Amino acid sequence: MRIGFMSTAIMAADMGTSAMAAHQVGMNALGLSFSLGDGMQAAAVALIGQSLGERNPRQAKKYGFLCQKVGMVLAVCTSIVYLVFGKALYQVFFSEEHIVEMGVGITRCIMIIVLFQISQVIFTGCLRGAGDVVYTMISSCVSVTFVRTIASYLCCYTLGWGIYGIWAGIIADQLCRLTFSSIRFIKGKWVKIKI
């Protein structure tokens, strides 16, 4: 996974100092929204682990979907915050208008990413709580290492989107991870894993 993160950072650095600076602030902002998903993931791990320990898979699924609903509310609220305060966030860090404008475009990408990211983190937590750690490890590695890197490269260089292409790659990564984890969760095989 670190290879995927490093590859996108190298591409961002290749776009120039201004683009790299805007990218780094965007990554830090994205880290804040990840904390919300991470908190809900911790709740999902505990609730699902407890339910499966009590041999109550139906309750485990209910908790998983409940955590998803709470997570979606948090994701929508966070997206609205980025919509309203995205420019102000970048103005805290930069006085250069071209970097601020670049940052506004990045926050628009973050608004989309957050919706996928929080959901995928919660679904992944549900699977981890059930002991389905090999699947979550493989899906995350494939998505970050290959999907993020390839999509970022294609959008950044082939399509010529520049720094926004890297963020399009991050969107592709998060969507891919959400797809992998949600399909696995909905199929329900994870309730039968013995730890």
N, C-alpha and C. Protein backbone atom coordinates (compact mmCIF):
# COMPACT_ATOMS: atom_id res chain seq x y z
N MET A 1 0.83 -1.20 0.00
CA MET A 1 0.00 0.00 0.00
C MET A 1 0.86 1.26 0.00
N ARG A 2 1.98 1.21 0.71
CA ARG A 2 2.87 2.38 0.76
C ARG A 2 3.41 2.71 -0.62
N ILE A 3 3.59 1.68 -1.47
CA ILE A 3 4.03 1.92 -2.84
C ILE A 3 3.01 2.79 -3.57
N GLY A 4 1.72 2.48 -3.39
CA GLY A 4 0.66 3.27 -4.01
C GLY A 4 0.63 4.70 -3.51
N PHE A 5 0.77 4.88 -2.18
CA PHE A 5 0.78 6.23 -1.60
C PHE A 5 1.99 7.01 -2.11
N MET A 6 3.16 6.34 -2.14
CA MET A 6 4.38 7.01 -2.58
C MET A 6 4.31 7.37 -4.06
N SER A 7 3.72 6.49 -4.87
CA SER A 7 3.62 6.75 -6.31
C SER A 7 2.80 8.00 -6.59
N THR A 8 1.68 8.15 -5.89
CA THR A 8 0.86 9.35 -6.12
C THR A 8 1.56 10.60 -5.59
N ALA A 9 2.32 10.46 -4.51
CA ALA A 9 3.07 11.61 -4.00
C ALA A 9 4.14 12.04 -5.00
N ILE A 10 4.79 11.06 -5.65
CA ILE A 10 5.81 11.37 -6.66
C ILE A 10 5.16 12.10 -7.84
N MET A 11 3.99 11.63 -8.26
CA MET A 11 3.29 12.29 -9.37
C MET A 11 2.91 13.72 -8.99
N ALA A 12 2.45 13.90 -7.75
CA ALA A 12 2.09 15.26 -7.29
C ALA A 12 3.32 16.16 -7.29
N ALA A 13 4.46 15.64 -6.83
CA ALA A 13 5.69 16.44 -6.82
C ALA A 13 6.11 16.81 -8.24
N ASP A 14 5.83 15.93 -9.18
CA ASP A 14 6.17 16.17 -10.59
C ASP A 14 5.35 17.32 -11.19
N MET A 15 4.23 17.63 -10.56
CA MET A 15 3.37 18.71 -11.06
C MET A 15 3.88 20.09 -10.67
N GLY A 16 4.90 20.14 -9.82
CA GLY A 16 5.46 21.43 -9.41
C GLY A 16 5.21 21.72 -7.94
N THR A 17 5.92 22.73 -7.45
CA THR A 17 5.88 23.06 -6.02
C THR A 17 4.48 23.49 -5.57
N SER A 18 3.83 24.32 -6.36
CA SER A 18 2.49 24.81 -5.99
C SER A 18 1.50 23.67 -5.92
N ALA A 19 1.52 22.80 -6.93
CA ALA A 19 0.60 21.66 -6.96
C ALA A 19 0.88 20.72 -5.80
N MET A 20 2.14 20.48 -5.50
CA MET A 20 2.50 19.59 -4.39
C MET A 20 2.04 20.17 -3.07
N ALA A 21 2.19 21.47 -2.90
CA ALA A 21 1.74 22.12 -1.66
C ALA A 21 0.23 21.99 -1.50
N ALA A 22 -0.51 22.26 -2.58
CA ALA A 22 -1.97 22.13 -2.54
C ALA A 22 -2.37 20.68 -2.28
N HIS A 23 -1.65 19.76 -2.88
CA HIS A 23 -1.92 18.33 -2.70
C HIS A 23 -1.74 17.92 -1.24
N GLN A 24 -0.66 18.39 -0.62
CA GLN A 24 -0.37 18.00 0.77
C GLN A 24 -1.45 18.51 1.73
N VAL A 25 -1.90 19.73 1.52
CA VAL A 25 -2.98 20.25 2.37
C VAL A 25 -4.24 19.43 2.15
N GLY A 26 -4.50 19.06 0.90
CA GLY A 26 -5.66 18.21 0.61
C GLY A 26 -5.56 16.86 1.30
N MET A 27 -4.38 16.25 1.29
CA MET A 27 -4.19 14.96 1.95
C MET A 27 -4.41 15.07 3.46
N ASN A 28 -3.95 16.18 4.04
CA ASN A 28 -4.19 16.40 5.48
C ASN A 28 -5.68 16.58 5.77
N ALA A 29 -6.37 17.31 4.90
CA ALA A 29 -7.82 17.49 5.07
C ALA A 29 -8.53 16.15 4.94
N LEU A 30 -8.09 15.33 3.99
CA LEU A 30 -8.68 14.01 3.81
C LEU A 30 -8.44 13.13 5.03
N GLY A 31 -7.29 13.31 5.67
CA GLY A 31 -6.98 12.57 6.90
C GLY A 31 -7.97 12.88 8.01
N LEU A 32 -8.45 14.12 8.07
CA LEU A 32 -9.44 14.49 9.09
C LEU A 32 -10.74 13.71 8.88
N SER A 33 -11.18 13.61 7.64
CA SER A 33 -12.42 12.88 7.38
C SER A 33 -12.23 11.38 7.62
N PHE A 34 -11.01 10.89 7.38
CA PHE A 34 -10.72 9.48 7.64
C PHE A 34 -10.91 9.17 9.13
N SER A 35 -10.61 10.14 9.98
CA SER A 35 -10.77 9.93 11.43
C SER A 35 -12.21 9.63 11.80
N LEU A 36 -13.16 10.26 11.10
CA LEU A 36 -14.58 9.98 11.37
C LEU A 36 -14.91 8.54 11.01
N GLY A 37 -14.47 8.12 9.83
CA GLY A 37 -14.69 6.73 9.42
C GLY A 37 -13.99 5.76 10.33
N ASP A 38 -12.79 6.13 10.78
CA ASP A 38 -12.01 5.27 11.67
C ASP A 38 -12.73 5.07 13.00
N GLY A 39 -13.35 6.12 13.49
CA GLY A 39 -14.12 6.01 14.74
C GLY A 39 -15.30 5.07 14.59
N MET A 40 -16.01 5.21 13.47
CA MET A 40 -17.15 4.31 13.23
C MET A 40 -16.68 2.88 12.97
N GLN A 41 -15.49 2.76 12.36
CA GLN A 41 -14.93 1.43 12.13
C GLN A 41 -14.65 0.73 13.47
N ALA A 42 -14.10 1.48 14.43
CA ALA A 42 -13.83 0.90 15.75
C ALA A 42 -15.12 0.41 16.40
N ALA A 43 -16.18 1.20 16.25
CA ALA A 43 -17.48 0.79 16.80
C ALA A 43 -17.99 -0.47 16.10
N ALA A 44 -17.86 -0.51 14.78
CA ALA A 44 -18.31 -1.67 14.00
C ALA A 44 -17.55 -2.93 14.38
N VAL A 45 -16.22 -2.80 14.53
CA VAL A 45 -15.40 -3.96 14.93
C VAL A 45 -15.88 -4.52 16.26
N ALA A 46 -16.08 -3.63 17.23
CA ALA A 46 -16.50 -4.07 18.57
C ALA A 46 -17.89 -4.69 18.55
N LEU A 47 -18.84 -4.04 17.91
CA LEU A 47 -20.22 -4.52 17.90
C LEU A 47 -20.37 -5.83 17.14
N ILE A 48 -19.69 -5.93 16.01
CA ILE A 48 -19.79 -7.15 15.21
C ILE A 48 -19.07 -8.30 15.88
N GLY A 49 -17.90 -8.01 16.43
CA GLY A 49 -17.17 -9.05 17.15
C GLY A 49 -17.97 -9.59 18.32
N GLN A 50 -18.62 -8.69 19.05
CA GLN A 50 -19.44 -9.10 20.19
C GLN A 50 -20.64 -9.92 19.72
N SER A 51 -21.31 -9.47 18.69
CA SER A 51 -22.49 -10.18 18.19
C SER A 51 -22.14 -11.58 17.69
N LEU A 52 -21.06 -11.68 16.95
CA LEU A 52 -20.66 -12.99 16.45
C LEU A 52 -20.17 -13.88 17.59
N GLY A 53 -19.55 -13.26 18.61
CA GLY A 53 -19.16 -14.02 19.80
C GLY A 53 -20.36 -14.60 20.52
N GLU A 54 -21.47 -13.89 20.45
CA GLU A 54 -22.74 -14.37 21.05
C GLU A 54 -23.50 -15.27 20.09
N ARG A 55 -22.90 -15.58 18.94
CA ARG A 55 -23.51 -16.42 17.88
C ARG A 55 -24.83 -15.82 17.39
N ASN A 56 -24.77 -14.52 17.12
CA ASN A 56 -25.95 -13.81 16.65
C ASN A 56 -25.59 -13.05 15.35
N PRO A 57 -25.48 -13.78 14.23
CA PRO A 57 -25.09 -13.12 12.97
C PRO A 57 -26.10 -12.08 12.48
N ARG A 58 -27.36 -12.29 12.77
CA ARG A 58 -28.38 -11.32 12.35
C ARG A 58 -28.14 -9.97 13.03
N GLN A 59 -27.82 -10.03 14.32
CA GLN A 59 -27.52 -8.80 15.06
C GLN A 59 -26.25 -8.14 14.51
N ALA A 60 -25.27 -8.96 14.15
CA ALA A 60 -24.02 -8.43 13.58
C ALA A 60 -24.31 -7.65 12.30
N LYS A 61 -25.14 -8.21 11.42
CA LYS A 61 -25.48 -7.51 10.18
C LYS A 61 -26.23 -6.22 10.47
N LYS A 62 -27.13 -6.26 11.44
CA LYS A 62 -27.88 -5.05 11.81
C LYS A 62 -26.93 -3.94 12.27
N TYR A 63 -25.97 -4.33 13.11
CA TYR A 63 -25.00 -3.35 13.59
C TYR A 63 -24.17 -2.79 12.43
N GLY A 64 -23.81 -3.65 11.49
CA GLY A 64 -23.04 -3.20 10.33
C GLY A 64 -23.79 -2.15 9.53
N PHE A 65 -25.06 -2.41 9.27
CA PHE A 65 -25.86 -1.45 8.50
C PHE A 65 -26.15 -0.18 9.32
N LEU A 66 -26.30 -0.33 10.64
CA LEU A 66 -26.51 0.85 11.49
C LEU A 66 -25.27 1.75 11.47
N CYS A 67 -24.10 1.15 11.60
CA CYS A 67 -22.86 1.92 11.53
C CYS A 67 -22.73 2.61 10.17
N GLN A 68 -23.17 1.94 9.11
CA GLN A 68 -23.15 2.54 7.78
C GLN A 68 -24.04 3.77 7.72
N LYS A 69 -25.23 3.68 8.30
CA LYS A 69 -26.16 4.82 8.27
C LYS A 69 -25.56 6.02 9.00
N VAL A 70 -25.01 5.77 10.18
CA VAL A 70 -24.38 6.86 10.94
C VAL A 70 -23.21 7.43 10.14
N GLY A 71 -22.41 6.54 9.55
CA GLY A 71 -21.27 6.97 8.74
C GLY A 71 -21.69 7.81 7.56
N MET A 72 -22.79 7.45 6.91
CA MET A 72 -23.25 8.22 5.76
C MET A 72 -23.68 9.63 6.17
N VAL A 73 -24.32 9.75 7.32
CA VAL A 73 -24.69 11.08 7.82
C VAL A 73 -23.43 11.91 8.06
N LEU A 74 -22.42 11.29 8.69
CA LEU A 74 -21.15 11.98 8.93
C LEU A 74 -20.49 12.38 7.61
N ALA A 75 -20.54 11.48 6.62
CA ALA A 75 -19.92 11.75 5.32
C ALA A 75 -20.58 12.92 4.62
N VAL A 76 -21.90 12.95 4.63
CA VAL A 76 -22.63 14.04 3.96
C VAL A 76 -22.33 15.37 4.66
N CYS A 77 -22.34 15.36 5.99
CA CYS A 77 -22.03 16.59 6.74
C CYS A 77 -20.61 17.07 6.45
N THR A 78 -19.67 16.14 6.39
CA THR A 78 -18.28 16.49 6.10
C THR A 78 -18.15 17.05 4.69
N SER A 79 -18.85 16.45 3.73
CA SER A 79 -18.82 16.97 2.35
C SER A 79 -19.35 18.39 2.28
N ILE A 80 -20.39 18.66 3.03
CA ILE A 80 -20.96 20.02 3.06
C ILE A 80 -19.96 21.01 3.65
N VAL A 81 -19.25 20.59 4.70
CA VAL A 81 -18.22 21.45 5.31
C VAL A 81 -17.15 21.79 4.28
N TYR A 82 -16.70 20.78 3.51
CA TYR A 82 -15.69 21.04 2.48
C TYR A 82 -16.23 21.94 1.38
N LEU A 83 -17.50 21.79 1.05
CA LEU A 83 -18.11 22.64 0.03
C LEU A 83 -18.13 24.10 0.48
N VAL A 84 -18.54 24.31 1.72
CA VAL A 84 -18.70 25.67 2.22
C VAL A 84 -17.36 26.31 2.60
N PHE A 85 -16.48 25.52 3.23
CA PHE A 85 -15.26 26.10 3.78
C PHE A 85 -13.97 25.68 3.06
N GLY A 86 -14.10 25.04 1.90
CA GLY A 86 -12.92 24.59 1.18
C GLY A 86 -11.95 25.71 0.83
N LYS A 87 -12.47 26.80 0.33
CA LYS A 87 -11.61 27.93 -0.03
C LYS A 87 -10.97 28.55 1.20
N ALA A 88 -11.76 28.69 2.26
CA ALA A 88 -11.24 29.28 3.50
C ALA A 88 -10.13 28.41 4.09
N LEU A 89 -10.27 27.10 3.97
CA LEU A 89 -9.25 26.18 4.46
C LEU A 89 -7.92 26.45 3.77
N TYR A 90 -7.95 26.57 2.46
CA TYR A 90 -6.71 26.82 1.71
C TYR A 90 -6.17 28.23 1.94
N GLN A 91 -7.05 29.18 2.24
CA GLN A 91 -6.59 30.54 2.51
C GLN A 91 -5.84 30.63 3.84
N VAL A 92 -6.09 29.69 4.74
CA VAL A 92 -5.33 29.63 5.99
C VAL A 92 -3.86 29.32 5.70
N PHE A 93 -3.61 28.49 4.68
CA PHE A 93 -2.26 28.04 4.37
C PHE A 93 -1.56 28.88 3.31
N PHE A 94 -2.33 29.45 2.37
CA PHE A 94 -1.71 30.11 1.22
C PHE A 94 -2.32 31.48 0.96
N SER A 95 -1.45 32.41 0.57
CA SER A 95 -1.95 33.71 0.13
C SER A 95 -1.98 33.77 -1.40
N GLU A 96 -1.26 32.85 -2.06
CA GLU A 96 -1.21 32.82 -3.52
C GLU A 96 -2.54 32.33 -4.07
N GLU A 97 -3.18 33.17 -4.87
CA GLU A 97 -4.53 32.87 -5.35
C GLU A 97 -4.57 31.62 -6.23
N HIS A 98 -3.53 31.38 -7.03
CA HIS A 98 -3.55 30.21 -7.92
C HIS A 98 -3.49 28.91 -7.13
N ILE A 99 -2.81 28.90 -5.97
CA ILE A 99 -2.78 27.69 -5.14
C ILE A 99 -4.12 27.51 -4.45
N VAL A 100 -4.72 28.62 -4.00
CA VAL A 100 -6.04 28.55 -3.36
C VAL A 100 -7.06 28.00 -4.34
N GLU A 101 -7.03 28.47 -5.59
CA GLU A 101 -7.97 27.98 -6.59
C GLU A 101 -7.75 26.50 -6.89
N MET A 102 -6.48 26.10 -6.92
CA MET A 102 -6.17 24.69 -7.11
C MET A 102 -6.74 23.88 -5.92
N GLY A 103 -6.60 24.44 -4.74
CA GLY A 103 -7.12 23.80 -3.53
C GLY A 103 -8.64 23.66 -3.54
N VAL A 104 -9.32 24.66 -4.10
CA VAL A 104 -10.78 24.57 -4.21
C VAL A 104 -11.17 23.39 -5.08
N GLY A 105 -10.45 23.19 -6.19
CA GLY A 105 -10.70 22.03 -7.04
C GLY A 105 -10.43 20.72 -6.31
N ILE A 106 -9.39 20.71 -5.49
CA ILE A 106 -9.07 19.51 -4.72
C ILE A 106 -10.15 19.23 -3.68
N THR A 107 -10.66 20.27 -3.03
CA THR A 107 -11.72 20.04 -2.04
C THR A 107 -13.00 19.51 -2.69
N ARG A 108 -13.23 19.87 -3.95
CA ARG A 108 -14.39 19.30 -4.66
C ARG A 108 -14.21 17.79 -4.83
N CYS A 109 -12.98 17.38 -5.10
CA CYS A 109 -12.69 15.94 -5.19
C CYS A 109 -12.85 15.28 -3.82
N ILE A 110 -12.38 15.96 -2.78
CA ILE A 110 -12.48 15.41 -1.43
C ILE A 110 -13.94 15.20 -1.03
N MET A 111 -14.80 16.11 -1.48
CA MET A 111 -16.23 15.96 -1.17
C MET A 111 -16.77 14.63 -1.68
N ILE A 112 -16.31 14.19 -2.84
CA ILE A 112 -16.74 12.91 -3.40
C ILE A 112 -16.05 11.76 -2.67
N ILE A 113 -14.75 11.91 -2.45
CA ILE A 113 -13.97 10.85 -1.80
C ILE A 113 -14.54 10.50 -0.44
N VAL A 114 -14.90 11.53 0.33
CA VAL A 114 -15.40 11.31 1.69
C VAL A 114 -16.61 10.38 1.70
N LEU A 115 -17.49 10.53 0.73
CA LEU A 115 -18.69 9.69 0.67
C LEU A 115 -18.33 8.22 0.50
N PHE A 116 -17.32 7.95 -0.32
CA PHE A 116 -16.86 6.57 -0.53
C PHE A 116 -15.99 6.09 0.63
N GLN A 117 -15.10 6.99 1.08
CA GLN A 117 -14.10 6.61 2.07
C GLN A 117 -14.71 6.16 3.39
N ILE A 118 -15.61 6.95 3.92
CA ILE A 118 -16.18 6.61 5.23
C ILE A 118 -16.96 5.30 5.13
N SER A 119 -17.71 5.11 4.06
CA SER A 119 -18.45 3.85 3.90
C SER A 119 -17.52 2.65 3.77
N GLN A 120 -16.47 2.78 2.98
CA GLN A 120 -15.59 1.64 2.78
C GLN A 120 -14.82 1.32 4.07
N VAL A 121 -14.45 2.34 4.82
CA VAL A 121 -13.74 2.10 6.09
C VAL A 121 -14.64 1.35 7.06
N ILE A 122 -15.92 1.70 7.10
CA ILE A 122 -16.86 1.03 8.00
C ILE A 122 -17.10 -0.41 7.56
N PHE A 123 -17.35 -0.62 6.26
CA PHE A 123 -17.54 -1.99 5.77
C PHE A 123 -16.29 -2.84 6.05
N THR A 124 -15.12 -2.26 5.83
CA THR A 124 -13.88 -2.98 6.10
C THR A 124 -13.78 -3.32 7.58
N GLY A 125 -14.18 -2.40 8.44
CA GLY A 125 -14.19 -2.66 9.88
C GLY A 125 -15.14 -3.79 10.25
N CYS A 126 -16.28 -3.82 9.59
CA CYS A 126 -17.24 -4.91 9.84
C CYS A 126 -16.60 -6.26 9.51
N LEU A 127 -15.93 -6.31 8.37
CA LEU A 127 -15.28 -7.56 7.96
C LEU A 127 -14.14 -7.93 8.90
N ARG A 128 -13.38 -6.95 9.33
CA ARG A 128 -12.29 -7.22 10.27
C ARG A 128 -12.83 -7.71 11.60
N GLY A 129 -13.92 -7.12 12.04
CA GLY A 129 -14.53 -7.54 13.30
C GLY A 129 -14.97 -9.00 13.27
N ALA A 130 -15.26 -9.48 12.06
CA ALA A 130 -15.66 -10.88 11.89
C ALA A 130 -14.45 -11.79 11.65
N GLY A 131 -13.26 -11.19 11.55
CA GLY A 131 -12.07 -11.99 11.32
C GLY A 131 -11.71 -12.18 9.86
N ASP A 132 -12.35 -11.44 8.96
CA ASP A 132 -12.10 -11.57 7.53
C ASP A 132 -10.95 -10.65 7.12
N VAL A 133 -9.81 -10.79 7.78
CA VAL A 133 -8.70 -9.86 7.61
C VAL A 133 -7.89 -10.11 6.34
N VAL A 134 -7.81 -11.35 5.89
CA VAL A 134 -7.04 -11.64 4.67
C VAL A 134 -7.70 -10.96 3.47
N TYR A 135 -9.02 -11.06 3.37
CA TYR A 135 -9.74 -10.43 2.26
C TYR A 135 -9.54 -8.92 2.28
N THR A 136 -9.69 -8.31 3.46
CA THR A 136 -9.56 -6.85 3.53
C THR A 136 -8.14 -6.41 3.21
N MET A 137 -7.15 -7.20 3.62
CA MET A 137 -5.76 -6.86 3.31
C MET A 137 -5.52 -6.92 1.80
N ILE A 138 -5.96 -7.98 1.17
CA ILE A 138 -5.73 -8.14 -0.28
C ILE A 138 -6.47 -7.06 -1.06
N SER A 139 -7.73 -6.82 -0.73
CA SER A 139 -8.49 -5.81 -1.48
C SER A 139 -7.90 -4.42 -1.32
N SER A 140 -7.44 -4.09 -0.11
CA SER A 140 -6.82 -2.77 0.10
C SER A 140 -5.51 -2.65 -0.66
N CYS A 141 -4.70 -3.70 -0.62
CA CYS A 141 -3.41 -3.67 -1.33
C CYS A 141 -3.61 -3.54 -2.83
N VAL A 142 -4.53 -4.30 -3.39
CA VAL A 142 -4.79 -4.24 -4.83
C VAL A 142 -5.30 -2.85 -5.21
N SER A 143 -6.22 -2.34 -4.44
CA SER A 143 -6.83 -1.06 -4.76
C SER A 143 -5.83 0.10 -4.67
N VAL A 144 -5.10 0.16 -3.56
CA VAL A 144 -4.17 1.29 -3.37
C VAL A 144 -2.96 1.17 -4.29
N THR A 145 -2.39 -0.03 -4.36
CA THR A 145 -1.16 -0.21 -5.12
C THR A 145 -1.39 -0.12 -6.62
N PHE A 146 -2.46 -0.72 -7.10
CA PHE A 146 -2.67 -0.78 -8.55
C PHE A 146 -3.73 0.20 -9.06
N VAL A 147 -4.93 0.15 -8.49
CA VAL A 147 -6.02 1.00 -9.00
C VAL A 147 -5.68 2.48 -8.84
N ARG A 148 -5.27 2.88 -7.63
CA ARG A 148 -4.94 4.28 -7.38
C ARG A 148 -3.79 4.74 -8.28
N THR A 149 -2.74 3.95 -8.34
CA THR A 149 -1.56 4.34 -9.11
C THR A 149 -1.85 4.42 -10.60
N ILE A 150 -2.49 3.40 -11.14
CA ILE A 150 -2.77 3.38 -12.58
C ILE A 150 -3.77 4.47 -12.97
N ALA A 151 -4.85 4.59 -12.19
CA ALA A 151 -5.86 5.62 -12.50
C ALA A 151 -5.26 7.02 -12.37
N SER A 152 -4.44 7.24 -11.35
CA SER A 152 -3.79 8.55 -11.19
C SER A 152 -2.90 8.86 -12.37
N TYR A 153 -2.11 7.89 -12.79
CA TYR A 153 -1.20 8.10 -13.92
C TYR A 153 -1.98 8.42 -15.19
N LEU A 154 -3.00 7.61 -15.47
CA LEU A 154 -3.79 7.82 -16.69
C LEU A 154 -4.47 9.19 -16.69
N CYS A 155 -5.09 9.54 -15.56
CA CYS A 155 -5.81 10.81 -15.50
C CYS A 155 -4.85 12.00 -15.48
N CYS A 156 -3.75 11.83 -14.77
CA CYS A 156 -2.79 12.92 -14.62
C CYS A 156 -2.04 13.20 -15.92
N TYR A 157 -1.48 12.16 -16.51
CA TYR A 157 -0.61 12.34 -17.68
C TYR A 157 -1.32 12.08 -19.01
N THR A 158 -1.99 10.93 -19.13
CA THR A 158 -2.62 10.59 -20.40
C THR A 158 -3.76 11.55 -20.74
N LEU A 159 -4.64 11.79 -19.76
CA LEU A 159 -5.76 12.70 -19.99
C LEU A 159 -5.37 14.17 -19.79
N GLY A 160 -4.23 14.39 -19.15
CA GLY A 160 -3.74 15.75 -18.97
C GLY A 160 -4.45 16.55 -17.90
N TRP A 161 -4.98 15.88 -16.88
CA TRP A 161 -5.72 16.59 -15.82
C TRP A 161 -4.81 17.16 -14.74
N GLY A 162 -3.53 16.86 -14.81
CA GLY A 162 -2.60 17.40 -13.82
C GLY A 162 -2.91 16.90 -12.42
N ILE A 163 -2.81 17.80 -11.47
CA ILE A 163 -3.00 17.43 -10.05
C ILE A 163 -4.39 16.84 -9.80
N TYR A 164 -5.38 17.28 -10.55
CA TYR A 164 -6.74 16.75 -10.38
C TYR A 164 -6.82 15.29 -10.83
N GLY A 165 -5.95 14.90 -11.74
CA GLY A 165 -5.89 13.50 -12.15
C GLY A 165 -5.47 12.58 -11.02
N ILE A 166 -4.58 13.08 -10.18
CA ILE A 166 -4.17 12.30 -9.01
C ILE A 166 -5.36 12.11 -8.08
N TRP A 167 -6.12 13.15 -7.90
CA TRP A 167 -7.29 13.05 -7.02
C TRP A 167 -8.38 12.18 -7.65
N ALA A 168 -8.45 12.16 -8.97
CA ALA A 168 -9.37 11.24 -9.65
C ALA A 168 -8.94 9.80 -9.37
N GLY A 169 -7.63 9.57 -9.32
CA GLY A 169 -7.12 8.24 -8.96
C GLY A 169 -7.48 7.85 -7.55
N ILE A 170 -7.46 8.82 -6.64
CA ILE A 170 -7.85 8.54 -5.25
C ILE A 170 -9.34 8.21 -5.19
N ILE A 171 -10.15 8.91 -5.98
CA ILE A 171 -11.58 8.59 -6.05
C ILE A 171 -11.76 7.16 -6.55
N ALA A 172 -11.02 6.79 -7.60
CA ALA A 172 -11.12 5.43 -8.15
C ALA A 172 -10.73 4.39 -7.10
N ASP A 173 -9.68 4.67 -6.35
CA ASP A 173 -9.24 3.76 -5.28
C ASP A 173 -10.32 3.58 -4.23
N GLN A 174 -10.88 4.67 -3.75
CA GLN A 174 -11.90 4.59 -2.70
C GLN A 174 -13.16 3.89 -3.19
N LEU A 175 -13.54 4.16 -4.43
CA LEU A 175 -14.71 3.51 -5.01
C LEU A 175 -14.47 2.01 -5.15
N CYS A 176 -13.27 1.65 -5.56
CA CYS A 176 -12.90 0.24 -5.71
C CYS A 176 -12.94 -0.47 -4.36
N ARG A 177 -12.35 0.15 -3.34
CA ARG A 177 -12.36 -0.47 -2.01
C ARG A 177 -13.78 -0.58 -1.46
N LEU A 178 -14.60 0.44 -1.71
CA LEU A 178 -15.99 0.38 -1.27
C LEU A 178 -16.72 -0.77 -1.97
N THR A 179 -16.47 -0.93 -3.25
CA THR A 179 -17.11 -2.01 -4.01
C THR A 179 -16.70 -3.37 -3.46
N PHE A 180 -15.40 -3.58 -3.26
CA PHE A 180 -14.91 -4.85 -2.73
C PHE A 180 -15.51 -5.16 -1.36
N SER A 181 -15.46 -4.17 -0.45
CA SER A 181 -15.91 -4.42 0.92
C SER A 181 -17.42 -4.54 1.03
N SER A 182 -18.17 -3.74 0.28
CA SER A 182 -19.64 -3.81 0.38
C SER A 182 -20.18 -5.11 -0.19
N ILE A 183 -19.61 -5.55 -1.32
CA ILE A 183 -20.06 -6.83 -1.90
C ILE A 183 -19.79 -7.96 -0.92
N ARG A 184 -18.60 -7.96 -0.34
CA ARG A 184 -18.24 -9.02 0.62
C ARG A 184 -19.17 -8.98 1.84
N PHE A 185 -19.46 -7.77 2.33
CA PHE A 185 -20.33 -7.65 3.50
C PHE A 185 -21.74 -8.13 3.17
N ILE A 186 -22.30 -7.70 2.05
CA ILE A 186 -23.67 -8.04 1.69
C ILE A 186 -23.84 -9.53 1.44
N LYS A 187 -22.81 -10.16 0.83
CA LYS A 187 -22.90 -11.61 0.60
C LYS A 187 -23.00 -12.39 1.90
N GLY A 188 -22.39 -11.88 2.98
CA GLY A 188 -22.59 -12.46 4.31
C GLY A 188 -21.75 -13.67 4.67
N LYS A 189 -20.79 -14.04 3.84
CA LYS A 189 -19.96 -15.20 4.18
C LYS A 189 -19.11 -14.97 5.42
N TRP A 190 -18.85 -13.72 5.72
CA TRP A 190 -18.02 -13.35 6.86
C TRP A 190 -18.61 -13.78 8.20
N VAL A 191 -19.93 -13.98 8.25
CA VAL A 191 -20.53 -14.39 9.53
C VAL A 191 -20.18 -15.83 9.89
N LYS A 192 -19.68 -16.60 8.91
CA LYS A 192 -19.36 -18.00 9.16
C LYS A 192 -17.88 -18.25 9.44
N ILE A 193 -17.08 -17.20 9.45
CA ILE A 193 -15.64 -17.36 9.71
C ILE A 193 -15.44 -17.72 11.17
N LYS A 194 -14.60 -18.73 11.40
CA LYS A 194 -14.28 -19.15 12.77
C LYS A 194 -12.91 -18.61 13.13
N ILE A 195 -12.84 -17.93 14.24
CA ILE A 195 -11.58 -17.35 14.68
C ILE A 195 -10.97 -18.24 15.76
